[in-house]
Amino acid sequence: MLVFKIVYEAKSYYEKHKDDANRDWGKVLLSFVYENKALFRIMYRNGLITAIMKAFDELSEWKNDRQYAYVRAFFVYGFFGVIYQWIKYDFDETPEQIQQHTANLAAQVAKEKV
């Protein structure tokens, strides 16, 4: 039931922010989570973190076939991991700060591997 609620609410949120989602769906998802942080806190504190992970999996619009399965899992669960850490830190930063952290780290890793 909680998974359905999160998926339903997230899709409704996306529809309201369709133009932004087309430009940057990650930013919209972070904003959705932040605006609903009370729900996510309660779920975390009550051991329902796997419901959040399942909801993110259902929200993914990547093809769900074997060819894409591993890459899809990498992105879905990687994004979930970022959200999970953010919840653990009790949403002490804004969605923009979280996005900046991940962008900075990705740029740093890319630079080190070149």
PDB file of N, CA and C in Angstrom:
ATOM      1  N   MET A   1       0.814  -1.192   0.000  1.00  0.00           N
ATOM      2  CA  MET A   1       0.000   0.000   0.000  1.00  0.00           C
ATOM      3  C   MET A   1       0.863   1.264   0.000  1.00  0.00           C
ATOM      4  N   LEU A   2       1.932   1.271   0.822  1.00  0.00           N
ATOM      5  CA  LEU A   2       2.818   2.427   0.853  1.00  0.00           C
ATOM      6  C   LEU A   2       3.545   2.616  -0.475  1.00  0.00           C
ATOM      7  N   VAL A   3       3.950   1.515  -1.079  1.00  0.00           N
ATOM      8  CA  VAL A   3       4.633   1.600  -2.370  1.00  0.00           C
ATOM      9  C   VAL A   3       3.698   2.244  -3.388  1.00  0.00           C
ATOM     10  N   PHE A   4       2.453   1.802  -3.404  1.00  0.00           N
ATOM     11  CA  PHE A   4       1.467   2.367  -4.329  1.00  0.00           C
ATOM     12  C   PHE A   4       1.308   3.866  -4.076  1.00  0.00           C
ATOM     13  N   LYS A   5       1.233   4.279  -2.808  1.00  0.00           N
ATOM     14  CA  LYS A   5       1.059   5.693  -2.474  1.00  0.00           C
ATOM     15  C   LYS A   5       2.235   6.518  -2.972  1.00  0.00           C
ATOM     16  N   ILE A   6       3.437   6.046  -2.724  1.00  0.00           N
ATOM     17  CA  ILE A   6       4.618   6.790  -3.173  1.00  0.00           C
ATOM     18  C   ILE A   6       4.642   6.905  -4.688  1.00  0.00           C
ATOM     19  N   VAL A   7       4.396   5.794  -5.367  1.00  0.00           N
ATOM     20  CA  VAL A   7       4.407   5.802  -6.839  1.00  0.00           C
ATOM     21  C   VAL A   7       3.331   6.747  -7.367  1.00  0.00           C
ATOM     22  N   TYR A   8       2.130   6.644  -6.825  1.00  0.00           N
ATOM     23  CA  TYR A   8       1.024   7.499  -7.264  1.00  0.00           C
ATOM     24  C   TYR A   8       1.344   8.981  -7.035  1.00  0.00           C
ATOM     25  N   GLU A   9       1.808   9.305  -5.838  1.00  0.00           N
ATOM     26  CA  GLU A   9       2.122  10.694  -5.503  1.00  0.00           C
ATOM     27  C   GLU A   9       3.284  11.224  -6.347  1.00  0.00           C
ATOM     28  N   ALA A  10       4.290  10.401  -6.567  1.00  0.00           N
ATOM     29  CA  ALA A  10       5.436  10.826  -7.378  1.00  0.00           C
ATOM     30  C   ALA A  10       5.021  11.088  -8.816  1.00  0.00           C
ATOM     31  N   LYS A  11       4.191  10.213  -9.376  1.00  0.00           N
ATOM     32  CA  LYS A  11       3.726  10.425 -10.750  1.00  0.00           C
ATOM     33  C   LYS A  11       2.874  11.681 -10.847  1.00  0.00           C
ATOM     34  N   SER A  12       2.039  11.926  -9.855  1.00  0.00           N
ATOM     35  CA  SER A  12       1.230  13.154  -9.829  1.00  0.00           C
ATOM     36  C   SER A  12       2.135  14.378  -9.741  1.00  0.00           C
ATOM     37  N   TYR A  13       3.168  14.288  -8.924  1.00  0.00           N
ATOM     38  CA  TYR A  13       4.131  15.380  -8.777  1.00  0.00           C
ATOM     39  C   TYR A  13       4.841  15.644 -10.107  1.00  0.00           C
ATOM     40  N   TYR A  14       5.254  14.566 -10.774  1.00  0.00           N
ATOM     41  CA  TYR A  14       5.909  14.692 -12.078  1.00  0.00           C
ATOM     42  C   TYR A  14       5.006  15.396 -13.079  1.00  0.00           C
ATOM     43  N   GLU A  15       3.726  15.034 -13.085  1.00  0.00           N
ATOM     44  CA  GLU A  15       2.777  15.654 -14.019  1.00  0.00           C
ATOM     45  C   GLU A  15       2.671  17.157 -13.769  1.00  0.00           C
ATOM     46  N   LYS A  16       2.687  17.550 -12.515  1.00  0.00           N
ATOM     47  CA  LYS A  16       2.607  18.971 -12.163  1.00  0.00           C
ATOM     48  C   LYS A  16       3.889  19.711 -12.531  1.00  0.00           C
ATOM     49  N   HIS A  17       4.986  18.992 -12.627  1.00  0.00           N
ATOM     50  CA  HIS A  17       6.298  19.589 -12.920  1.00  0.00           C
ATOM     51  C   HIS A  17       6.892  18.982 -14.194  1.00  0.00           C
ATOM     52  N   LYS A  18       6.038  18.726 -15.144  1.00  0.00           N
ATOM     53  CA  LYS A  18       6.425  18.008 -16.361  1.00  0.00           C
ATOM     54  C   LYS A  18       7.581  18.670 -17.109  1.00  0.00           C
ATOM     55  N   ASP A  19       7.523  19.991 -17.286  1.00  0.00           N
ATOM     56  CA  ASP A  19       8.591  20.682 -18.016  1.00  0.00           C
ATOM     57  C   ASP A  19       9.936  20.523 -17.309  1.00  0.00           C
ATOM     58  N   ASP A  20       9.932  20.689 -15.992  1.00  0.00           N
ATOM     59  CA  ASP A  20      11.168  20.515 -15.222  1.00  0.00           C
ATOM     60  C   ASP A  20      11.645  19.069 -15.285  1.00  0.00           C
ATOM     61  N   ALA A  21      10.709  18.122 -15.204  1.00  0.00           N
ATOM     62  CA  ALA A  21      11.067  16.699 -15.241  1.00  0.00           C
ATOM     63  C   ALA A  21      11.689  16.318 -16.577  1.00  0.00           C
ATOM     64  N   ASN A  22      11.220  16.925 -17.660  1.00  0.00           N
ATOM     65  CA  ASN A  22      11.803  16.646 -18.973  1.00  0.00           C
ATOM     66  C   ASN A  22      13.244  17.141 -19.068  1.00  0.00           C
ATOM     67  N   ARG A  23      13.556  18.197 -18.334  1.00  0.00           N
ATOM     68  CA  ARG A  23      14.922  18.732 -18.326  1.00  0.00           C
ATOM     69  C   ARG A  23      15.820  17.969 -17.352  1.00  0.00           C
ATOM     70  N   ASP A  24      15.267  17.642 -16.164  1.00  0.00           N
ATOM     71  CA  ASP A  24      16.088  17.022 -15.126  1.00  0.00           C
ATOM     72  C   ASP A  24      15.187  16.244 -14.168  1.00  0.00           C
ATOM     73  N   TRP A  25      14.919  14.980 -14.489  1.00  0.00           N
ATOM     74  CA  TRP A  25      14.006  14.177 -13.670  1.00  0.00           C
ATOM     75  C   TRP A  25      14.570  13.942 -12.277  1.00  0.00           C
ATOM     76  N   GLY A  26      15.894  13.877 -12.161  1.00  0.00           N
ATOM     77  CA  GLY A  26      16.513  13.657 -10.861  1.00  0.00           C
ATOM     78  C   GLY A  26      16.230  14.802  -9.900  1.00  0.00           C
ATOM     79  N   LYS A  27      16.308  16.008 -10.403  1.00  0.00           N
ATOM     80  CA  LYS A  27      16.019  17.178  -9.574  1.00  0.00           C
ATOM     81  C   LYS A  27      14.566  17.168  -9.112  1.00  0.00           C
ATOM     82  N   VAL A  28      13.671  16.770  -9.997  1.00  0.00           N
ATOM     83  CA  VAL A  28      12.246  16.708  -9.646  1.00  0.00           C
ATOM     84  C   VAL A  28      12.008  15.617  -8.600  1.00  0.00           C
ATOM     85  N   LEU A  29      12.670  14.477  -8.757  1.00  0.00           N
ATOM     86  CA  LEU A  29      12.499  13.410  -7.774  1.00  0.00           C
ATOM     87  C   LEU A  29      13.057  13.828  -6.410  1.00  0.00           C
ATOM     88  N   LEU A  30      14.195  14.487  -6.396  1.00  0.00           N
ATOM     89  CA  LEU A  30      14.744  14.982  -5.134  1.00  0.00           C
ATOM     90  C   LEU A  30      13.789  15.982  -4.482  1.00  0.00           C
ATOM     91  N   SER A  31      13.202  16.852  -5.276  1.00  0.00           N
ATOM     92  CA  SER A  31      12.239  17.825  -4.741  1.00  0.00           C
ATOM     93  C   SER A  31      11.007  17.128  -4.188  1.00  0.00           C
ATOM     94  N   PHE A  32      10.532  16.094  -4.882  1.00  0.00           N
ATOM     95  CA  PHE A  32       9.387  15.320  -4.407  1.00  0.00           C
ATOM     96  C   PHE A  32       9.692  14.688  -3.046  1.00  0.00           C
ATOM     97  N   VAL A  33      10.847  14.064  -2.935  1.00  0.00           N
ATOM     98  CA  VAL A  33      11.232  13.423  -1.681  1.00  0.00           C
ATOM     99  C   VAL A  33      11.320  14.475  -0.573  1.00  0.00           C
ATOM    100  N   TYR A  34      11.940  15.596  -0.872  1.00  0.00           N
ATOM    101  CA  TYR A  34      12.113  16.650   0.132  1.00  0.00           C
ATOM    102  C   TYR A  34      10.767  17.205   0.597  1.00  0.00           C
ATOM    103  N   GLU A  35       9.865  17.417  -0.332  1.00  0.00           N
ATOM    104  CA  GLU A  35       8.541  17.934   0.028  1.00  0.00           C
ATOM    105  C   GLU A  35       7.726  16.919   0.817  1.00  0.00           C
ATOM    106  N   ASN A  36       8.090  15.658   0.726  1.00  0.00           N
ATOM    107  CA  ASN A  36       7.397  14.592   1.453  1.00  0.00           C
ATOM    108  C   ASN A  36       8.300  13.950   2.502  1.00  0.00           C
ATOM    109  N   LYS A  37       9.245  14.721   2.999  1.00  0.00           N
ATOM    110  CA  LYS A  37      10.239  14.163   3.916  1.00  0.00           C
ATOM    111  C   LYS A  37       9.624  13.607   5.196  1.00  0.00           C
ATOM    112  N   ALA A  38       8.502  14.140   5.643  1.00  0.00           N
ATOM    113  CA  ALA A  38       7.862  13.600   6.849  1.00  0.00           C
ATOM    114  C   ALA A  38       7.489  12.128   6.638  1.00  0.00           C
ATOM    115  N   LEU A  39       6.917  11.818   5.489  1.00  0.00           N
ATOM    116  CA  LEU A  39       6.557  10.431   5.163  1.00  0.00           C
ATOM    117  C   LEU A  39       7.801   9.550   5.105  1.00  0.00           C
ATOM    118  N   PHE A  40       8.831  10.027   4.424  1.00  0.00           N
ATOM    119  CA  PHE A  40      10.045   9.232   4.276  1.00  0.00           C
ATOM    120  C   PHE A  40      10.760   9.038   5.614  1.00  0.00           C
ATOM    121  N   ARG A  41      10.721  10.043   6.478  1.00  0.00           N
ATOM    122  CA  ARG A  41      11.289   9.887   7.828  1.00  0.00           C
ATOM    123  C   ARG A  41      10.564   8.789   8.597  1.00  0.00           C
ATOM    124  N   ILE A  42       9.253   8.846   8.574  1.00  0.00           N
ATOM    125  CA  ILE A  42       8.438   7.848   9.287  1.00  0.00           C
ATOM    126  C   ILE A  42       8.731   6.453   8.757  1.00  0.00           C
ATOM    127  N   MET A  43       8.806   6.323   7.451  1.00  0.00           N
ATOM    128  CA  MET A  43       9.086   5.014   6.860  1.00  0.00           C
ATOM    129  C   MET A  43      10.459   4.513   7.298  1.00  0.00           C
ATOM    130  N   TYR A  44      11.452   5.383   7.263  1.00  0.00           N
ATOM    131  CA  TYR A  44      12.807   5.008   7.672  1.00  0.00           C
ATOM    132  C   TYR A  44      12.830   4.569   9.131  1.00  0.00           C
ATOM    133  N   ARG A  45      12.203   5.365   9.982  1.00  0.00           N
ATOM    134  CA  ARG A  45      12.215   5.072  11.424  1.00  0.00           C
ATOM    135  C   ARG A  45      11.447   3.808  11.776  1.00  0.00           C
ATOM    136  N   ASN A  46      10.573   3.369  10.894  1.00  0.00           N
ATOM    137  CA  ASN A  46       9.787   2.168  11.147  1.00  0.00           C
ATOM    138  C   ASN A  46      10.248   0.973  10.319  1.00  0.00           C
ATOM    139  N   GLY A  47      11.464   1.057   9.796  1.00  0.00           N
ATOM    140  CA  GLY A  47      12.052  -0.073   9.084  1.00  0.00           C
ATOM    141  C   GLY A  47      11.405  -0.374   7.739  1.00  0.00           C
ATOM    142  N   LEU A  48      10.841   0.639   7.106  1.00  0.00           N
ATOM    143  CA  LEU A  48      10.154   0.435   5.830  1.00  0.00           C
ATOM    144  C   LEU A  48      10.958   0.972   4.645  1.00  0.00           C
ATOM    145  N   ILE A  49      12.251   0.992   4.789  1.00  0.00           N
ATOM    146  CA  ILE A  49      13.120   1.544   3.747  1.00  0.00           C
ATOM    147  C   ILE A  49      13.034   0.737   2.454  1.00  0.00           C
ATOM    148  N   THR A  50      12.795  -0.565   2.555  1.00  0.00           N
ATOM    149  CA  THR A  50      12.690  -1.366   1.326  1.00  0.00           C
ATOM    150  C   THR A  50      11.457  -0.991   0.516  1.00  0.00           C
ATOM    151  N   ALA A  51      10.419  -0.462   1.163  1.00  0.00           N
ATOM    152  CA  ALA A  51       9.239   0.012   0.427  1.00  0.00           C
ATOM    153  C   ALA A  51       9.604   1.218  -0.434  1.00  0.00           C
ATOM    154  N   ILE A  52      10.471   2.075   0.085  1.00  0.00           N
ATOM    155  CA  ILE A  52      10.931   3.229  -0.700  1.00  0.00           C
ATOM    156  C   ILE A  52      11.735   2.735  -1.901  1.00  0.00           C
ATOM    157  N   MET A  53      12.617   1.774  -1.669  1.00  0.00           N
ATOM    158  CA  MET A  53      13.423   1.213  -2.750  1.00  0.00           C
ATOM    159  C   MET A  53      12.526   0.585  -3.820  1.00  0.00           C
ATOM    160  N   LYS A  54      11.519  -0.153  -3.400  1.00  0.00           N
ATOM    161  CA  LYS A  54      10.594  -0.783  -4.347  1.00  0.00           C
ATOM    162  C   LYS A  54       9.828   0.278  -5.140  1.00  0.00           C
ATOM    163  N   ALA A  55       9.424   1.349  -4.483  1.00  0.00           N
ATOM    164  CA  ALA A  55       8.712   2.427  -5.176  1.00  0.00           C
ATOM    165  C   ALA A  55       9.602   3.052  -6.248  1.00  0.00           C
ATOM    166  N   PHE A  56      10.873   3.294  -5.917  1.00  0.00           N
ATOM    167  CA  PHE A  56      11.791   3.860  -6.914  1.00  0.00           C
ATOM    168  C   PHE A  56      11.951   2.916  -8.092  1.00  0.00           C
ATOM    169  N   ASP A  57      12.002   1.627  -7.794  1.00  0.00           N
ATOM    170  CA  ASP A  57      12.100   0.639  -8.861  1.00  0.00           C
ATOM    171  C   ASP A  57      10.883   0.716  -9.775  1.00  0.00           C
ATOM    172  N   GLU A  58       9.700   0.838  -9.196  1.00  0.00           N
ATOM    173  CA  GLU A  58       8.477   0.921  -9.991  1.00  0.00           C
ATOM    174  C   GLU A  58       8.374   2.236 -10.752  1.00  0.00           C
ATOM    175  N   LEU A  59       8.980   3.279 -10.235  1.00  0.00           N
ATOM    176  CA  LEU A  59       8.949   4.573 -10.913  1.00  0.00           C
ATOM    177  C   LEU A  59       9.857   4.617 -12.141  1.00  0.00           C
ATOM    178  N   SER A  60      10.830   3.734 -12.184  1.00  0.00           N
ATOM    179  CA  SER A  60      11.760   3.729 -13.307  1.00  0.00           C
ATOM    180  C   SER A  60      11.026   3.420 -14.602  1.00  0.00           C
ATOM    181  N   GLU A  61      11.278   4.233 -15.594  1.00  0.00           N
ATOM    182  CA  GLU A  61      10.669   4.011 -16.893  1.00  0.00           C
ATOM    183  C   GLU A  61      11.636   3.356 -17.874  1.00  0.00           C
ATOM    184  N   TRP A  62      12.783   2.929 -17.371  1.00  0.00           N
ATOM    185  CA  TRP A  62      13.718   2.190 -18.204  1.00  0.00           C
ATOM    186  C   TRP A  62      13.077   0.872 -18.585  1.00  0.00           C
ATOM    187  N   LYS A  63      13.459   0.379 -19.731  1.00  0.00           N
ATOM    188  CA  LYS A  63      12.973  -0.938 -20.144  1.00  0.00           C
ATOM    189  C   LYS A  63      13.328  -1.954 -19.078  1.00  0.00           C
ATOM    190  N   ASN A  64      12.415  -2.846 -18.816  1.00  0.00           N
ATOM    191  CA  ASN A  64      12.639  -3.849 -17.780  1.00  0.00           C
ATOM    192  C   ASN A  64      12.883  -5.220 -18.416  1.00  0.00           C
ATOM    193  N   ASP A  65      13.809  -5.237 -19.349  1.00  0.00           N
ATOM    194  CA  ASP A  65      14.169  -6.521 -19.949  1.00  0.00           C
ATOM    195  C   ASP A  65      15.614  -6.843 -19.612  1.00  0.00           C
ATOM    196  N   ARG A  66      16.007  -8.033 -19.929  1.00  0.00           N
ATOM    197  CA  ARG A  66      17.327  -8.525 -19.532  1.00  0.00           C
ATOM    198  C   ARG A  66      18.471  -7.663 -20.066  1.00  0.00           C
ATOM    199  N   GLN A  67      18.319  -7.128 -21.251  1.00  0.00           N
ATOM    200  CA  GLN A  67      19.382  -6.325 -21.854  1.00  0.00           C
ATOM    201  C   GLN A  67      19.689  -5.083 -21.009  1.00  0.00           C
ATOM    202  N   TYR A  68      18.666  -4.491 -20.414  1.00  0.00           N
ATOM    203  CA  TYR A  68      18.844  -3.271 -19.638  1.00  0.00           C
ATOM    204  C   TYR A  68      18.861  -3.507 -18.124  1.00  0.00           C
ATOM    205  N   ALA A  69      18.626  -4.706 -17.686  1.00  0.00           N
ATOM    206  CA  ALA A  69      18.409  -4.995 -16.268  1.00  0.00           C
ATOM    207  C   ALA A  69      19.526  -4.489 -15.356  1.00  0.00           C
ATOM    208  N   TYR A  70      20.765  -4.723 -15.727  1.00  0.00           N
ATOM    209  CA  TYR A  70      21.864  -4.352 -14.843  1.00  0.00           C
ATOM    210  C   TYR A  70      22.098  -2.840 -14.812  1.00  0.00           C
ATOM    211  N   VAL A  71      22.014  -2.218 -15.956  1.00  0.00           N
ATOM    212  CA  VAL A  71      22.188  -0.767 -15.998  1.00  0.00           C
ATOM    213  C   VAL A  71      21.025  -0.082 -15.292  1.00  0.00           C
ATOM    214  N   ARG A  72      19.830  -0.597 -15.519  1.00  0.00           N
ATOM    215  CA  ARG A  72      18.639  -0.060 -14.844  1.00  0.00           C
ATOM    216  C   ARG A  72      18.812  -0.174 -13.335  1.00  0.00           C
ATOM    217  N   ALA A  73      19.230  -1.339 -12.855  1.00  0.00           N
ATOM    218  CA  ALA A  73      19.435  -1.556 -11.423  1.00  0.00           C
ATOM    219  C   ALA A  73      20.503  -0.610 -10.876  1.00  0.00           C
ATOM    220  N   PHE A  74      21.570  -0.415 -11.632  1.00  0.00           N
ATOM    221  CA  PHE A  74      22.638   0.481 -11.211  1.00  0.00           C
ATOM    222  C   PHE A  74      22.115   1.884 -10.946  1.00  0.00           C
ATOM    223  N   PHE A  75      21.330   2.407 -11.866  1.00  0.00           N
ATOM    224  CA  PHE A  75      20.822   3.768 -11.711  1.00  0.00           C
ATOM    225  C   PHE A  75      19.702   3.863 -10.676  1.00  0.00           C
ATOM    226  N   VAL A  76      18.759   2.933 -10.710  1.00  0.00           N
ATOM    227  CA  VAL A  76      17.638   2.973  -9.765  1.00  0.00           C
ATOM    228  C   VAL A  76      18.146   2.852  -8.339  1.00  0.00           C
ATOM    229  N   TYR A  77      18.968   1.830  -8.080  1.00  0.00           N
ATOM    230  CA  TYR A  77      19.410   1.603  -6.719  1.00  0.00           C
ATOM    231  C   TYR A  77      20.517   2.559  -6.297  1.00  0.00           C
ATOM    232  N   GLY A  78      21.263   3.065  -7.253  1.00  0.00           N
ATOM    233  CA  GLY A  78      22.232   4.115  -6.931  1.00  0.00           C
ATOM    234  C   GLY A  78      21.533   5.382  -6.483  1.00  0.00           C
ATOM    235  N   PHE A  79      20.487   5.741  -7.203  1.00  0.00           N
ATOM    236  CA  PHE A  79      19.714   6.917  -6.821  1.00  0.00           C
ATOM    237  C   PHE A  79      19.044   6.684  -5.473  1.00  0.00           C
ATOM    238  N   PHE A  80      18.513   5.479  -5.274  1.00  0.00           N
ATOM    239  CA  PHE A  80      17.935   5.137  -3.979  1.00  0.00           C
ATOM    240  C   PHE A  80      18.968   5.292  -2.869  1.00  0.00           C
ATOM    241  N   GLY A  81      20.198   4.863  -3.121  1.00  0.00           N
ATOM    242  CA  GLY A  81      21.253   4.971  -2.122  1.00  0.00           C
ATOM    243  C   GLY A  81      21.509   6.412  -1.707  1.00  0.00           C
ATOM    244  N   VAL A  82      21.479   7.313  -2.662  1.00  0.00           N
ATOM    245  CA  VAL A  82      21.633   8.738  -2.358  1.00  0.00           C
ATOM    246  C   VAL A  82      20.484   9.196  -1.457  1.00  0.00           C
ATOM    247  N   ILE A  83      19.272   8.821  -1.816  1.00  0.00           N
ATOM    248  CA  ILE A  83      18.095   9.198  -1.023  1.00  0.00           C
ATOM    249  C   ILE A  83      18.192   8.586   0.378  1.00  0.00           C
ATOM    250  N   TYR A  84      18.611   7.345   0.449  1.00  0.00           N
ATOM    251  CA  TYR A  84      18.741   6.663   1.741  1.00  0.00           C
ATOM    252  C   TYR A  84      19.704   7.418   2.664  1.00  0.00           C
ATOM    253  N   GLN A  85      20.852   7.819   2.132  1.00  0.00           N
ATOM    254  CA  GLN A  85      21.806   8.574   2.944  1.00  0.00           C
ATOM    255  C   GLN A  85      21.209   9.908   3.381  1.00  0.00           C
ATOM    256  N   TRP A  86      20.490  10.540   2.496  1.00  0.00           N
ATOM    257  CA  TRP A  86      19.862  11.829   2.791  1.00  0.00           C
ATOM    258  C   TRP A  86      18.848  11.671   3.928  1.00  0.00           C
ATOM    259  N   ILE A  87      18.072  10.609   3.883  1.00  0.00           N
ATOM    260  CA  ILE A  87      17.113  10.332   4.958  1.00  0.00           C
ATOM    261  C   ILE A  87      17.870  10.095   6.266  1.00  0.00           C
ATOM    262  N   LYS A  88      18.945   9.301   6.208  1.00  0.00           N
ATOM    263  CA  LYS A  88      19.739   9.027   7.408  1.00  0.00           C
ATOM    264  C   LYS A  88      20.295  10.305   8.014  1.00  0.00           C
ATOM    265  N   TYR A  89      20.644  11.267   7.169  1.00  0.00           N
ATOM    266  CA  TYR A  89      21.141  12.562   7.653  1.00  0.00           C
ATOM    267  C   TYR A  89      19.994  13.515   7.982  1.00  0.00           C
ATOM    268  N   ASP A  90      18.788  12.985   8.013  1.00  0.00           N
ATOM    269  CA  ASP A  90      17.573  13.726   8.375  1.00  0.00           C
ATOM    270  C   ASP A  90      17.339  14.958   7.499  1.00  0.00           C
ATOM    271  N   PHE A  91      17.601  14.792   6.208  1.00  0.00           N
ATOM    272  CA  PHE A  91      17.325  15.850   5.238  1.00  0.00           C
ATOM    273  C   PHE A  91      17.973  17.176   5.637  1.00  0.00           C
ATOM    274  N   ASP A  92      19.222  17.101   6.066  1.00  0.00           N
ATOM    275  CA  ASP A  92      19.906  18.303   6.549  1.00  0.00           C
ATOM    276  C   ASP A  92      20.417  19.210   5.433  1.00  0.00           C
ATOM    277  N   GLU A  93      20.169  18.819   4.188  1.00  0.00           N
ATOM    278  CA  GLU A  93      20.571  19.646   3.047  1.00  0.00           C
ATOM    279  C   GLU A  93      19.404  19.743   2.069  1.00  0.00           C
ATOM    280  N   THR A  94      19.471  20.727   1.205  1.00  0.00           N
ATOM    281  CA  THR A  94      18.422  20.934   0.207  1.00  0.00           C
ATOM    282  C   THR A  94      18.606  19.976  -0.967  1.00  0.00           C
ATOM    283  N   PRO A  95      17.559  19.814  -1.783  1.00  0.00           N
ATOM    284  CA  PRO A  95      17.717  18.989  -2.990  1.00  0.00           C
ATOM    285  C   PRO A  95      18.852  19.499  -3.888  1.00  0.00           C
ATOM    286  N   GLU A  96      18.984  20.802  -3.978  1.00  0.00           N
ATOM    287  CA  GLU A  96      20.042  21.374  -4.812  1.00  0.00           C
ATOM    288  C   GLU A  96      21.433  21.020  -4.275  1.00  0.00           C
ATOM    289  N   GLN A  97      21.589  21.008  -2.961  1.00  0.00           N
ATOM    290  CA  GLN A  97      22.876  20.643  -2.378  1.00  0.00           C
ATOM    291  C   GLN A  97      23.204  19.172  -2.623  1.00  0.00           C
ATOM    292  N   ILE A  98      22.190  18.317  -2.510  1.00  0.00           N
ATOM    293  CA  ILE A  98      22.398  16.888  -2.773  1.00  0.00           C
ATOM    294  C   ILE A  98      22.807  16.684  -4.227  1.00  0.00           C
ATOM    295  N   GLN A  99      22.113  17.361  -5.118  1.00  0.00           N
ATOM    296  CA  GLN A  99      22.435  17.243  -6.541  1.00  0.00           C
ATOM    297  C   GLN A  99      23.851  17.757  -6.816  1.00  0.00           C
ATOM    298  N   GLN A 100      24.248  18.818  -6.146  1.00  0.00           N
ATOM    299  CA  GLN A 100      25.590  19.369  -6.339  1.00  0.00           C
ATOM    300  C   GLN A 100      26.659  18.397  -5.820  1.00  0.00           C
ATOM    301  N   HIS A 101      26.390  17.757  -4.690  1.00  0.00           N
ATOM    302  CA  HIS A 101      27.341  16.759  -4.172  1.00  0.00           C
ATOM    303  C   HIS A 101      27.578  15.651  -5.195  1.00  0.00           C
ATOM    304  N   THR A 102      26.516  15.114  -5.726  1.00  0.00           N
ATOM    305  CA  THR A 102      26.660  14.007  -6.665  1.00  0.00           C
ATOM    306  C   THR A 102      27.320  14.463  -7.959  1.00  0.00           C
ATOM    307  N   ALA A 103      27.000  15.662  -8.427  1.00  0.00           N
ATOM    308  CA  ALA A 103      27.636  16.182  -9.643  1.00  0.00           C
ATOM    309  C   ALA A 103      29.128  16.403  -9.419  1.00  0.00           C
ATOM    310  N   ASN A 104      29.484  16.975  -8.275  1.00  0.00           N
ATOM    311  CA  ASN A 104      30.899  17.219  -7.969  1.00  0.00           C
ATOM    312  C   ASN A 104      31.683  15.910  -7.879  1.00  0.00           C
ATOM    313  N   LEU A 105      31.094  14.936  -7.220  1.00  0.00           N
ATOM    314  CA  LEU A 105      31.781  13.651  -7.080  1.00  0.00           C
ATOM    315  C   LEU A 105      31.936  12.958  -8.426  1.00  0.00           C
ATOM    316  N   ALA A 106      30.898  12.995  -9.243  1.00  0.00           N
ATOM    317  CA  ALA A 106      30.978  12.386 -10.574  1.00  0.00           C
ATOM    318  C   ALA A 106      32.067  13.049 -11.405  1.00  0.00           C
ATOM    319  N   ALA A 107      32.153  14.382 -11.332  1.00  0.00           N
ATOM    320  CA  ALA A 107      33.191  15.101 -12.076  1.00  0.00           C
ATOM    321  C   ALA A 107      34.570  14.749 -11.554  1.00  0.00           C
ATOM    322  N   GLN A 108      34.709  14.635 -10.252  1.00  0.00           N
ATOM    323  CA  GLN A 108      35.994  14.272  -9.652  1.00  0.00           C
ATOM    324  C   GLN A 108      36.426  12.873 -10.068  1.00  0.00           C
ATOM    325  N   VAL A 109      35.516  11.937 -10.020  1.00  0.00           N
ATOM    326  CA  VAL A 109      35.822  10.547 -10.411  1.00  0.00           C
ATOM    327  C   VAL A 109      36.213  10.501 -11.886  1.00  0.00           C
ATOM    328  N   ALA A 110      35.468  11.208 -12.718  1.00  0.00           N
ATOM    329  CA  ALA A 110      35.764  11.234 -14.158  1.00  0.00           C
ATOM    330  C   ALA A 110      37.158  11.809 -14.409  1.00  0.00           C
ATOM    331  N   LYS A 111      37.513  12.835 -13.692  1.00  0.00           N
ATOM    332  CA  LYS A 111      38.810  13.469 -13.864  1.00  0.00           C
ATOM    333  C   LYS A 111      39.940  12.537 -13.419  1.00  0.00           C
ATOM    334  N   GLU A 112      39.715  11.797 -12.336  1.00  0.00           N
ATOM    335  CA  GLU A 112      40.750  10.898 -11.820  1.00  0.00           C
ATOM    336  C   GLU A 112      40.963   9.702 -12.744  1.00  0.00           C
ATOM    337  N   LYS A 113      39.945   9.294 -13.458  1.00  0.00           N
ATOM    338  CA  LYS A 113      40.037   8.103 -14.316  1.00  0.00           C
ATOM    339  C   LYS A 113      40.587   8.429 -15.706  1.00  0.00           C
ATOM    340  N   VAL A 114      40.733   9.685 -16.025  1.00  0.00           N
ATOM    341  CA  VAL A 114      41.212  10.083 -17.349  1.00  0.00           C
ATOM    342  C   VAL A 114      42.699  10.008 -17.430  1.00  0.00           C
TER     343      VAL A 114
END
